[in-house]
Amino acid sequence: MDKTIVCPDGLKRCRWCASAPEFLRYHDDEWGFPVADDRRLFEKLCLEGFQSGLSWRTILAKRENFRAAFCDFDFHQIANFGDNDVQRLMQDEGIIRHRGKIEAVINNARLARLIVEREGSLAAWFWRYEPAPDEVAVPQTVSTSAASIALSRDMKKMGWKFVGPTTVYAFMQAMGLINDHAEHCVTRASVQQARERFKLGK
């Protein structure tokens, strides 16, 4: 089955982006483009964790609320959150009030800070898991991969939470570790060009 759909502008895009109006901009401007900024990486990973069991439309609609609640996903600040912050967030109707996921963000922020101390940046660590071209599956045909399983395993060993292989694969798609735009999607070429220009900052 063709994984693309013809949009109102006459261009083919990944079929999923037509399922909600707000998906189009996210698809064209964000999804799959390579990210090196640590705060954005942490945000993407946290939001994928919150999405577990829910729709991405729900998460995207609440993204600004999440940013406000979690200090714009500055993990250095979140790492200092305590019980009072958990209670505050559990009362915040603008986000997903799931105690386990909220506590996971705080736990993961502390681990992210440790990685930065050890590796220099989150980006330096995550981009080590970029799969070789011959290891990448046909776009949008799988929900996990050898790379996502390896990254998930290593994160869990460190103590990260809500980082199963499927969640990590979605994170890899979102942050550009893989270009999972459909073969004939108009944005696939733009992502590929961005990846060719991409340089990981020191």
N, C-alpha and C. Protein backbone atom coordinates (compact mmCIF):
# COMPACT_ATOMS: atom_id res chain seq x y z
N MET A 1 0.83 -1.19 0.00
CA MET A 1 0.00 0.00 0.00
C MET A 1 0.88 1.25 0.00
N ASP A 2 0.46 2.23 -0.80
CA ASP A 2 1.21 3.49 -0.87
C ASP A 2 1.15 4.19 0.49
N LYS A 3 2.30 4.56 1.01
CA LYS A 3 2.37 5.20 2.32
C LYS A 3 2.19 6.72 2.23
N THR A 4 1.88 7.23 1.03
CA THR A 4 1.69 8.66 0.87
C THR A 4 0.24 8.99 0.53
N ILE A 5 -0.07 10.27 0.66
CA ILE A 5 -1.38 10.76 0.27
C ILE A 5 -1.18 12.10 -0.42
N VAL A 6 -2.00 12.40 -1.41
CA VAL A 6 -1.90 13.68 -2.10
C VAL A 6 -2.63 14.73 -1.27
N CYS A 7 -1.90 15.77 -0.89
CA CYS A 7 -2.45 16.83 -0.05
C CYS A 7 -3.09 17.92 -0.91
N PRO A 8 -3.83 18.85 -0.30
CA PRO A 8 -4.52 19.90 -1.07
C PRO A 8 -3.60 20.71 -1.98
N ASP A 9 -2.31 20.80 -1.65
CA ASP A 9 -1.39 21.55 -2.52
C ASP A 9 -0.88 20.70 -3.69
N GLY A 10 -1.41 19.46 -3.79
CA GLY A 10 -1.04 18.60 -4.91
C GLY A 10 0.22 17.79 -4.68
N LEU A 11 0.85 17.93 -3.52
CA LEU A 11 2.09 17.23 -3.21
C LEU A 11 1.83 16.00 -2.35
N LYS A 12 2.64 14.98 -2.58
CA LYS A 12 2.51 13.75 -1.80
C LYS A 12 3.27 13.87 -0.48
N ARG A 13 2.62 13.43 0.58
CA ARG A 13 3.25 13.40 1.91
C ARG A 13 2.91 12.09 2.60
N CYS A 14 3.60 11.83 3.68
CA CYS A 14 3.31 10.64 4.48
C CYS A 14 1.82 10.63 4.84
N ARG A 15 1.20 9.48 4.68
CA ARG A 15 -0.24 9.39 4.86
C ARG A 15 -0.70 9.85 6.24
N TRP A 16 0.10 9.58 7.27
CA TRP A 16 -0.33 9.90 8.63
C TRP A 16 -0.54 11.39 8.86
N CYS A 17 0.14 12.24 8.09
CA CYS A 17 0.06 13.68 8.37
C CYS A 17 -1.28 14.27 7.95
N ALA A 18 -2.10 13.51 7.22
CA ALA A 18 -3.41 14.00 6.81
C ALA A 18 -4.50 13.66 7.81
N SER A 19 -4.14 12.96 8.88
CA SER A 19 -5.16 12.51 9.82
C SER A 19 -5.59 13.59 10.81
N ALA A 20 -4.86 14.70 10.88
CA ALA A 20 -5.25 15.81 11.75
C ALA A 20 -4.64 17.09 11.18
N PRO A 21 -5.36 18.21 11.22
CA PRO A 21 -4.87 19.45 10.61
C PRO A 21 -3.52 19.91 11.15
N GLU A 22 -3.30 19.72 12.45
CA GLU A 22 -2.06 20.21 13.05
C GLU A 22 -0.85 19.36 12.72
N PHE A 23 -1.08 18.19 12.11
CA PHE A 23 0.04 17.31 11.78
C PHE A 23 0.87 17.82 10.61
N LEU A 24 0.25 18.58 9.70
CA LEU A 24 0.93 18.96 8.46
C LEU A 24 2.18 19.79 8.74
N ARG A 25 2.06 20.81 9.55
CA ARG A 25 3.23 21.65 9.84
C ARG A 25 4.29 20.84 10.59
N TYR A 26 3.85 20.02 11.54
CA TYR A 26 4.80 19.19 12.29
C TYR A 26 5.56 18.26 11.33
N HIS A 27 4.84 17.67 10.40
CA HIS A 27 5.43 16.77 9.41
C HIS A 27 6.42 17.50 8.52
N ASP A 28 6.04 18.67 8.03
CA ASP A 28 6.86 19.39 7.06
C ASP A 28 8.08 20.09 7.69
N ASP A 29 7.93 20.54 8.93
CA ASP A 29 8.95 21.41 9.52
C ASP A 29 9.80 20.74 10.61
N GLU A 30 9.32 19.65 11.19
CA GLU A 30 10.02 19.07 12.34
C GLU A 30 10.37 17.61 12.19
N TRP A 31 9.38 16.80 11.87
CA TRP A 31 9.54 15.34 11.99
C TRP A 31 10.64 14.83 11.06
N GLY A 32 11.65 14.24 11.67
CA GLY A 32 12.72 13.63 10.90
C GLY A 32 13.91 14.53 10.63
N PHE A 33 13.76 15.83 10.85
CA PHE A 33 14.90 16.73 10.65
C PHE A 33 15.89 16.55 11.80
N PRO A 34 17.19 16.49 11.49
CA PRO A 34 18.19 16.19 12.52
C PRO A 34 18.28 17.27 13.60
N VAL A 35 18.36 16.82 14.84
CA VAL A 35 18.38 17.72 15.99
C VAL A 35 19.66 17.49 16.79
N ALA A 36 20.33 18.57 17.14
CA ALA A 36 21.54 18.48 17.96
C ALA A 36 21.40 19.22 19.28
N ASP A 37 20.32 19.97 19.45
CA ASP A 37 20.11 20.75 20.67
C ASP A 37 19.63 19.85 21.80
N ASP A 38 20.33 19.86 22.91
CA ASP A 38 20.03 18.95 24.01
C ASP A 38 18.63 19.15 24.58
N ARG A 39 18.23 20.39 24.74
CA ARG A 39 16.90 20.65 25.30
C ARG A 39 15.82 20.10 24.38
N ARG A 40 15.97 20.31 23.08
CA ARG A 40 14.97 19.79 22.13
C ARG A 40 14.97 18.28 22.11
N LEU A 41 16.13 17.68 22.23
CA LEU A 41 16.20 16.22 22.27
C LEU A 41 15.47 15.68 23.50
N PHE A 42 15.73 16.32 24.64
CA PHE A 42 15.07 15.86 25.86
C PHE A 42 13.57 16.05 25.77
N GLU A 43 13.13 17.15 25.20
CA GLU A 43 11.70 17.37 25.01
C GLU A 43 11.08 16.28 24.15
N LYS A 44 11.71 15.99 23.03
CA LYS A 44 11.17 14.98 22.13
C LYS A 44 11.07 13.63 22.83
N LEU A 45 12.08 13.27 23.57
CA LEU A 45 12.06 11.98 24.26
C LEU A 45 10.95 11.95 25.32
N CYS A 46 10.82 13.03 26.08
CA CYS A 46 9.77 13.08 27.10
C CYS A 46 8.38 13.02 26.49
N LEU A 47 8.16 13.75 25.42
CA LEU A 47 6.84 13.75 24.80
C LEU A 47 6.50 12.40 24.20
N GLU A 48 7.49 11.71 23.65
CA GLU A 48 7.23 10.36 23.15
C GLU A 48 6.86 9.44 24.31
N GLY A 49 7.47 9.65 25.48
CA GLY A 49 7.11 8.86 26.65
C GLY A 49 5.69 9.14 27.09
N PHE A 50 5.29 10.41 27.10
CA PHE A 50 3.92 10.76 27.46
C PHE A 50 2.93 10.21 26.45
N GLN A 51 3.34 10.09 25.20
CA GLN A 51 2.44 9.62 24.15
C GLN A 51 2.10 8.14 24.29
N SER A 52 2.92 7.39 25.00
CA SER A 52 2.70 5.95 25.14
C SER A 52 1.27 5.66 25.60
N GLY A 53 0.53 4.94 24.76
CA GLY A 53 -0.86 4.59 25.07
C GLY A 53 -1.86 5.65 24.66
N LEU A 54 -1.38 6.77 24.13
CA LEU A 54 -2.26 7.86 23.72
C LEU A 54 -2.00 8.22 22.26
N SER A 55 -2.74 9.20 21.75
CA SER A 55 -2.53 9.64 20.37
C SER A 55 -1.52 10.77 20.35
N TRP A 56 -0.75 10.86 19.27
CA TRP A 56 0.20 11.96 19.13
C TRP A 56 -0.54 13.29 19.00
N ARG A 57 -1.75 13.28 18.49
CA ARG A 57 -2.53 14.52 18.37
C ARG A 57 -2.76 15.12 19.76
N THR A 58 -3.03 14.27 20.74
CA THR A 58 -3.24 14.74 22.11
C THR A 58 -1.99 15.42 22.65
N ILE A 59 -0.84 14.80 22.40
CA ILE A 59 0.42 15.34 22.90
C ILE A 59 0.77 16.65 22.21
N LEU A 60 0.60 16.68 20.89
CA LEU A 60 0.95 17.88 20.14
C LEU A 60 0.07 19.06 20.57
N ALA A 61 -1.20 18.79 20.84
CA ALA A 61 -2.11 19.85 21.27
C ALA A 61 -1.72 20.42 22.63
N LYS A 62 -1.07 19.60 23.45
CA LYS A 62 -0.68 20.02 24.79
C LYS A 62 0.80 20.42 24.90
N ARG A 63 1.50 20.46 23.78
CA ARG A 63 2.94 20.65 23.84
C ARG A 63 3.33 21.96 24.54
N GLU A 64 2.67 23.04 24.26
CA GLU A 64 3.01 24.31 24.91
C GLU A 64 2.76 24.24 26.41
N ASN A 65 1.71 23.51 26.80
CA ASN A 65 1.44 23.33 28.23
C ASN A 65 2.55 22.51 28.89
N PHE A 66 3.01 21.48 28.19
CA PHE A 66 4.12 20.68 28.71
C PHE A 66 5.37 21.55 28.88
N ARG A 67 5.63 22.38 27.90
CA ARG A 67 6.82 23.25 27.97
C ARG A 67 6.74 24.18 29.17
N ALA A 68 5.56 24.75 29.40
CA ALA A 68 5.39 25.65 30.54
C ALA A 68 5.54 24.89 31.86
N ALA A 69 4.99 23.69 31.92
CA ALA A 69 5.01 22.92 33.16
C ALA A 69 6.40 22.39 33.49
N PHE A 70 7.19 22.09 32.46
CA PHE A 70 8.50 21.48 32.65
C PHE A 70 9.66 22.40 32.27
N CYS A 71 9.52 23.70 32.57
CA CYS A 71 10.63 24.64 32.38
C CYS A 71 11.23 24.58 30.99
N ASP A 72 10.37 24.48 29.99
CA ASP A 72 10.81 24.40 28.59
C ASP A 72 11.75 23.21 28.38
N PHE A 73 11.56 22.18 29.20
CA PHE A 73 12.33 20.94 29.14
C PHE A 73 13.83 21.16 29.35
N ASP A 74 14.13 22.14 30.20
CA ASP A 74 15.51 22.33 30.65
C ASP A 74 15.78 21.26 31.71
N PHE A 75 16.48 20.20 31.33
CA PHE A 75 16.64 19.08 32.26
C PHE A 75 17.51 19.42 33.46
N HIS A 76 18.33 20.45 33.35
CA HIS A 76 19.10 20.88 34.51
C HIS A 76 18.18 21.41 35.61
N GLN A 77 17.12 22.11 35.22
CA GLN A 77 16.15 22.58 36.20
C GLN A 77 15.24 21.45 36.67
N ILE A 78 14.79 20.64 35.75
CA ILE A 78 13.87 19.55 36.10
C ILE A 78 14.53 18.57 37.06
N ALA A 79 15.84 18.39 36.93
CA ALA A 79 16.56 17.45 37.80
C ALA A 79 16.43 17.83 39.27
N ASN A 80 16.10 19.09 39.54
CA ASN A 80 15.96 19.57 40.92
C ASN A 80 14.52 19.50 41.43
N PHE A 81 13.61 19.00 40.61
CA PHE A 81 12.21 18.88 41.03
C PHE A 81 12.11 17.88 42.18
N GLY A 82 11.16 18.14 43.07
CA GLY A 82 10.92 17.25 44.20
C GLY A 82 9.45 16.87 44.29
N ASP A 83 9.05 16.36 45.45
CA ASP A 83 7.68 15.88 45.65
C ASP A 83 6.65 16.99 45.44
N ASN A 84 6.97 18.20 45.86
CA ASN A 84 6.03 19.31 45.68
C ASN A 84 5.77 19.59 44.21
N ASP A 85 6.82 19.42 43.40
CA ASP A 85 6.65 19.63 41.96
C ASP A 85 5.80 18.54 41.35
N VAL A 86 5.98 17.30 41.82
CA VAL A 86 5.14 16.20 41.32
C VAL A 86 3.68 16.49 41.64
N GLN A 87 3.39 16.94 42.86
CA GLN A 87 2.02 17.26 43.24
C GLN A 87 1.46 18.40 42.40
N ARG A 88 2.30 19.40 42.15
CA ARG A 88 1.88 20.53 41.31
C ARG A 88 1.52 20.05 39.91
N LEU A 89 2.36 19.21 39.35
CA LEU A 89 2.13 18.73 37.99
C LEU A 89 0.92 17.81 37.92
N MET A 90 0.66 17.07 38.98
CA MET A 90 -0.52 16.20 39.01
C MET A 90 -1.82 17.00 39.03
N GLN A 91 -1.74 18.28 39.38
CA GLN A 91 -2.92 19.15 39.39
C GLN A 91 -3.04 19.98 38.11
N ASP A 92 -2.07 19.85 37.23
CA ASP A 92 -2.03 20.67 36.02
C ASP A 92 -2.89 20.02 34.93
N GLU A 93 -4.05 20.61 34.67
CA GLU A 93 -4.98 20.03 33.69
C GLU A 93 -4.50 20.21 32.25
N GLY A 94 -3.46 21.01 32.06
CA GLY A 94 -2.96 21.24 30.70
C GLY A 94 -2.05 20.16 30.17
N ILE A 95 -1.62 19.24 31.04
CA ILE A 95 -0.72 18.16 30.62
C ILE A 95 -1.38 16.82 30.88
N ILE A 96 -0.66 15.75 30.61
CA ILE A 96 -1.12 14.40 30.92
C ILE A 96 -0.76 14.12 32.38
N ARG A 97 -1.76 13.97 33.22
CA ARG A 97 -1.52 13.81 34.66
C ARG A 97 -1.35 12.33 35.01
N HIS A 98 -0.24 11.80 34.60
CA HIS A 98 0.12 10.40 34.85
C HIS A 98 1.35 10.41 35.75
N ARG A 99 1.18 10.00 36.98
CA ARG A 99 2.26 10.12 37.96
C ARG A 99 3.53 9.41 37.49
N GLY A 100 3.38 8.23 36.96
CA GLY A 100 4.56 7.48 36.52
C GLY A 100 5.34 8.20 35.45
N LYS A 101 4.63 8.82 34.51
CA LYS A 101 5.29 9.53 33.42
C LYS A 101 5.91 10.83 33.91
N ILE A 102 5.23 11.51 34.81
CA ILE A 102 5.78 12.74 35.39
C ILE A 102 7.06 12.43 36.16
N GLU A 103 7.01 11.41 36.98
CA GLU A 103 8.19 11.03 37.76
C GLU A 103 9.32 10.55 36.86
N ALA A 104 8.95 9.93 35.73
CA ALA A 104 9.97 9.48 34.77
C ALA A 104 10.72 10.67 34.18
N VAL A 105 10.02 11.76 33.88
CA VAL A 105 10.68 12.95 33.33
C VAL A 105 11.73 13.47 34.32
N ILE A 106 11.36 13.51 35.59
CA ILE A 106 12.29 14.01 36.61
C ILE A 106 13.47 13.06 36.76
N ASN A 107 13.18 11.78 36.83
CA ASN A 107 14.24 10.77 36.91
C ASN A 107 15.17 10.87 35.71
N ASN A 108 14.58 10.98 34.51
CA ASN A 108 15.38 11.01 33.29
C ASN A 108 16.19 12.30 33.17
N ALA A 109 15.65 13.39 33.72
CA ALA A 109 16.40 14.65 33.71
C ALA A 109 17.69 14.52 34.50
N ARG A 110 17.63 13.84 35.61
CA ARG A 110 18.83 13.64 36.42
C ARG A 110 19.86 12.79 35.69
N LEU A 111 19.37 11.80 34.96
CA LEU A 111 20.28 10.95 34.19
C LEU A 111 20.83 11.69 32.98
N ALA A 112 20.01 12.54 32.37
CA ALA A 112 20.48 13.35 31.24
C ALA A 112 21.61 14.26 31.69
N ARG A 113 21.48 14.83 32.86
CA ARG A 113 22.51 15.70 33.38
C ARG A 113 23.83 14.93 33.58
N LEU A 114 23.72 13.70 34.01
CA LEU A 114 24.92 12.87 34.19
C LEU A 114 25.58 12.57 32.85
N ILE A 115 24.77 12.31 31.83
CA ILE A 115 25.32 12.03 30.51
C ILE A 115 26.07 13.25 29.98
N VAL A 116 25.50 14.43 30.18
CA VAL A 116 26.17 15.65 29.73
C VAL A 116 27.50 15.83 30.44
N GLU A 117 27.53 15.54 31.73
CA GLU A 117 28.78 15.64 32.48
C GLU A 117 29.83 14.67 31.95
N ARG A 118 29.38 13.51 31.53
CA ARG A 118 30.30 12.47 31.09
C ARG A 118 30.66 12.58 29.61
N GLU A 119 29.68 12.92 28.77
CA GLU A 119 29.87 12.88 27.32
C GLU A 119 30.00 14.26 26.67
N GLY A 120 29.65 15.29 27.41
CA GLY A 120 29.70 16.63 26.84
C GLY A 120 28.34 17.14 26.39
N SER A 121 27.49 16.24 25.90
CA SER A 121 26.13 16.61 25.48
C SER A 121 25.29 15.37 25.31
N LEU A 122 23.98 15.55 25.40
CA LEU A 122 23.08 14.44 25.09
C LEU A 122 23.20 14.06 23.62
N ALA A 123 23.31 15.09 22.78
CA ALA A 123 23.37 14.85 21.34
C ALA A 123 24.54 13.94 20.98
N ALA A 124 25.69 14.18 21.58
CA ALA A 124 26.86 13.37 21.28
C ALA A 124 26.59 11.91 21.58
N TRP A 125 25.83 11.67 22.64
CA TRP A 125 25.54 10.29 23.03
C TRP A 125 24.49 9.66 22.13
N PHE A 126 23.37 10.37 21.91
CA PHE A 126 22.29 9.80 21.11
C PHE A 126 22.74 9.52 19.67
N TRP A 127 23.52 10.43 19.09
CA TRP A 127 23.89 10.25 17.69
C TRP A 127 24.86 9.10 17.46
N ARG A 128 25.41 8.55 18.52
CA ARG A 128 26.22 7.34 18.37
C ARG A 128 25.38 6.15 17.92
N TYR A 129 24.08 6.25 18.13
CA TYR A 129 23.18 5.14 17.80
C TYR A 129 22.57 5.27 16.41
N GLU A 130 23.07 6.22 15.64
CA GLU A 130 22.57 6.34 14.27
C GLU A 130 22.90 5.06 13.50
N PRO A 131 21.89 4.41 12.95
CA PRO A 131 22.15 3.15 12.23
C PRO A 131 22.86 3.39 10.90
N ALA A 132 23.62 2.40 10.48
CA ALA A 132 24.24 2.46 9.16
C ALA A 132 23.15 2.38 8.10
N PRO A 133 23.39 2.94 6.91
CA PRO A 133 22.36 2.93 5.86
C PRO A 133 21.79 1.55 5.56
N ASP A 134 22.63 0.52 5.61
CA ASP A 134 22.13 -0.82 5.28
C ASP A 134 21.35 -1.45 6.42
N GLU A 135 21.27 -0.76 7.57
CA GLU A 135 20.51 -1.26 8.71
C GLU A 135 19.14 -0.62 8.81
N VAL A 136 18.86 0.35 7.95
CA VAL A 136 17.60 1.08 8.01
C VAL A 136 16.55 0.34 7.20
N ALA A 137 15.39 0.11 7.83
CA ALA A 137 14.31 -0.62 7.16
C ALA A 137 13.61 0.27 6.15
N VAL A 138 12.74 -0.35 5.34
CA VAL A 138 11.89 0.43 4.44
C VAL A 138 11.06 1.39 5.29
N PRO A 139 10.97 2.66 4.91
CA PRO A 139 10.28 3.64 5.73
C PRO A 139 8.88 3.22 6.17
N GLN A 140 8.60 3.43 7.47
CA GLN A 140 7.28 3.24 8.06
C GLN A 140 6.74 1.83 7.93
N THR A 141 7.61 0.85 8.01
CA THR A 141 7.14 -0.53 7.96
C THR A 141 7.37 -1.25 9.27
N VAL A 142 8.08 -0.61 10.20
CA VAL A 142 8.37 -1.25 11.47
C VAL A 142 8.14 -0.25 12.61
N SER A 143 8.08 -0.75 13.84
CA SER A 143 7.92 0.13 15.00
C SER A 143 9.11 0.03 15.95
N THR A 144 10.04 -0.86 15.63
CA THR A 144 11.30 -0.94 16.38
C THR A 144 12.40 -1.27 15.37
N SER A 145 13.63 -1.21 15.84
CA SER A 145 14.76 -1.56 14.99
C SER A 145 15.89 -2.04 15.88
N ALA A 146 16.93 -2.58 15.28
CA ALA A 146 18.08 -3.02 16.07
C ALA A 146 18.67 -1.85 16.85
N ALA A 147 18.71 -0.67 16.22
CA ALA A 147 19.28 0.51 16.88
C ALA A 147 18.39 0.97 18.03
N SER A 148 17.07 0.95 17.84
CA SER A 148 16.18 1.41 18.92
C SER A 148 16.20 0.42 20.08
N ILE A 149 16.34 -0.85 19.77
CA ILE A 149 16.42 -1.87 20.82
C ILE A 149 17.72 -1.69 21.61
N ALA A 150 18.81 -1.42 20.91
CA ALA A 150 20.10 -1.22 21.58
C ALA A 150 20.09 0.03 22.46
N LEU A 151 19.55 1.14 21.92
CA LEU A 151 19.49 2.38 22.69
C LEU A 151 18.57 2.22 23.89
N SER A 152 17.42 1.60 23.69
CA SER A 152 16.49 1.36 24.79
C SER A 152 17.14 0.52 25.88
N ARG A 153 17.82 -0.53 25.48
CA ARG A 153 18.50 -1.41 26.45
C ARG A 153 19.53 -0.65 27.26
N ASP A 154 20.33 0.15 26.58
CA ASP A 154 21.38 0.89 27.28
C ASP A 154 20.81 1.96 28.20
N MET A 155 19.72 2.59 27.77
CA MET A 155 19.09 3.60 28.63
C MET A 155 18.48 2.95 29.87
N LYS A 156 17.85 1.83 29.68
CA LYS A 156 17.24 1.15 30.83
C LYS A 156 18.30 0.70 31.83
N LYS A 157 19.44 0.27 31.33
CA LYS A 157 20.54 -0.13 32.23
C LYS A 157 20.98 1.04 33.10
N MET A 158 20.91 2.25 32.53
CA MET A 158 21.29 3.45 33.27
C MET A 158 20.21 3.89 34.25
N GLY A 159 18.99 3.39 34.05
CA GLY A 159 17.89 3.75 34.93
C GLY A 159 16.82 4.63 34.32
N TRP A 160 16.92 4.93 33.00
CA TRP A 160 15.89 5.73 32.34
C TRP A 160 14.56 4.97 32.35
N LYS A 161 13.45 5.71 32.38
CA LYS A 161 12.12 5.11 32.42
C LYS A 161 11.28 5.59 31.24
N PHE A 162 10.31 4.76 30.86
CA PHE A 162 9.45 4.99 29.71
C PHE A 162 10.29 5.16 28.44
N VAL A 163 11.22 4.25 28.26
CA VAL A 163 12.08 4.27 27.08
C VAL A 163 12.14 2.88 26.45
N GLY A 164 10.97 2.28 26.25
CA GLY A 164 10.92 1.00 25.57
C GLY A 164 11.33 1.13 24.12
N PRO A 165 11.62 0.03 23.44
CA PRO A 165 12.10 0.09 22.05
C PRO A 165 11.17 0.83 21.08
N THR A 166 9.85 0.71 21.28
CA THR A 166 8.91 1.39 20.39
C THR A 166 8.94 2.90 20.63
N THR A 167 8.96 3.29 21.90
CA THR A 167 9.05 4.72 22.24
C THR A 167 10.36 5.31 21.72
N VAL A 168 11.44 4.57 21.89
CA VAL A 168 12.75 5.04 21.43
C VAL A 168 12.79 5.12 19.90
N TYR A 169 12.14 4.17 19.23
CA TYR A 169 12.10 4.23 17.77
C TYR A 169 11.37 5.48 17.30
N ALA A 170 10.24 5.80 17.97
CA ALA A 170 9.50 7.01 17.61
C ALA A 170 10.36 8.25 17.86
N PHE A 171 11.14 8.22 18.93
CA PHE A 171 12.07 9.32 19.22
C PHE A 171 13.12 9.43 18.12
N MET A 172 13.65 8.31 17.67
CA MET A 172 14.65 8.31 16.61
C MET A 172 14.07 8.86 15.31
N GLN A 173 12.83 8.53 15.02
CA GLN A 173 12.16 9.09 13.85
C GLN A 173 12.04 10.61 13.98
N ALA A 174 11.59 11.05 15.16
CA ALA A 174 11.31 12.47 15.36
C ALA A 174 12.57 13.32 15.33
N MET A 175 13.68 12.82 15.89
CA MET A 175 14.90 13.63 16.03
C MET A 175 15.84 13.50 14.84
N GLY A 176 15.50 12.62 13.88
CA GLY A 176 16.30 12.53 12.68
C GLY A 176 17.39 11.49 12.68
N LEU A 177 17.44 10.63 13.68
CA LEU A 177 18.42 9.54 13.63
C LEU A 177 18.16 8.63 12.45
N ILE A 178 16.90 8.58 12.03
CA ILE A 178 16.54 7.89 10.80
C ILE A 178 15.60 8.80 10.01
N ASN A 179 15.62 8.66 8.71
CA ASN A 179 14.70 9.40 7.84
C ASN A 179 13.58 8.44 7.48
N ASP A 180 12.47 8.53 8.21
CA ASP A 180 11.39 7.57 8.01
C ASP A 180 10.23 8.16 7.23
N HIS A 181 10.47 9.26 6.53
CA HIS A 181 9.44 9.75 5.61
C HIS A 181 9.26 8.72 4.49
N ALA A 182 8.02 8.56 4.05
CA ALA A 182 7.72 7.60 2.99
C ALA A 182 8.55 7.90 1.73
N GLU A 183 8.79 6.88 0.96
CA GLU A 183 9.69 6.98 -0.18
C GLU A 183 9.33 8.12 -1.12
N HIS A 184 8.04 8.34 -1.37
CA HIS A 184 7.63 9.37 -2.33
C HIS A 184 7.11 10.63 -1.65
N CYS A 185 7.33 10.76 -0.36
CA CYS A 185 6.92 11.96 0.38
C CYS A 185 7.79 13.14 -0.04
N VAL A 186 7.18 14.29 -0.26
CA VAL A 186 7.91 15.47 -0.72
C VAL A 186 8.93 15.93 0.33
N THR A 187 8.68 15.64 1.60
CA THR A 187 9.58 16.10 2.65
C THR A 187 10.78 15.19 2.82
N ARG A 188 10.71 13.99 2.30
CA ARG A 188 11.82 13.05 2.48
C ARG A 188 13.14 13.62 1.94
N ALA A 189 13.08 14.23 0.77
CA ALA A 189 14.29 14.80 0.16
C ALA A 189 14.83 15.96 0.99
N SER A 190 13.93 16.78 1.54
CA SER A 190 14.36 17.90 2.37
C SER A 190 15.07 17.41 3.62
N VAL A 191 14.54 16.35 4.21
CA VAL A 191 15.18 15.76 5.39
C VAL A 191 16.55 15.20 5.03
N GLN A 192 16.62 14.53 3.90
CA GLN A 192 17.89 13.96 3.48
C GLN A 192 18.94 15.05 3.26
N GLN A 193 18.53 16.15 2.65
CA GLN A 193 19.46 17.27 2.43
C GLN A 193 19.90 17.87 3.77
N ALA A 194 18.96 17.97 4.70
CA ALA A 194 19.31 18.51 6.03
C ALA A 194 20.29 17.59 6.74
N ARG A 195 20.11 16.30 6.57
CA ARG A 195 21.02 15.33 7.18
C ARG A 195 22.41 15.41 6.57
N GLU A 196 22.48 15.66 5.29
CA GLU A 196 23.78 15.77 4.61
C GLU A 196 24.53 17.01 5.07
N ARG A 197 23.78 18.07 5.44
CA ARG A 197 24.41 19.30 5.92
C ARG A 197 24.66 19.27 7.42
N PHE A 198 24.06 18.33 8.09
CA PHE A 198 24.07 18.30 9.56
C PHE A 198 25.46 18.04 10.11
N LYS A 199 25.81 18.85 11.09
CA LYS A 199 27.08 18.65 11.81
C LYS A 199 26.79 18.72 13.29
N LEU A 200 27.26 17.75 14.01
CA LEU A 200 27.05 17.71 15.44
C LEU A 200 27.98 18.68 16.14
N GLY A 201 27.42 19.62 16.87
CA GLY A 201 28.23 20.60 17.57
C GLY A 201 29.02 19.96 18.70
N LYS A 202 30.12 20.57 19.07
CA LYS A 202 30.96 20.06 20.14
C LYS A 202 30.49 20.58 21.49
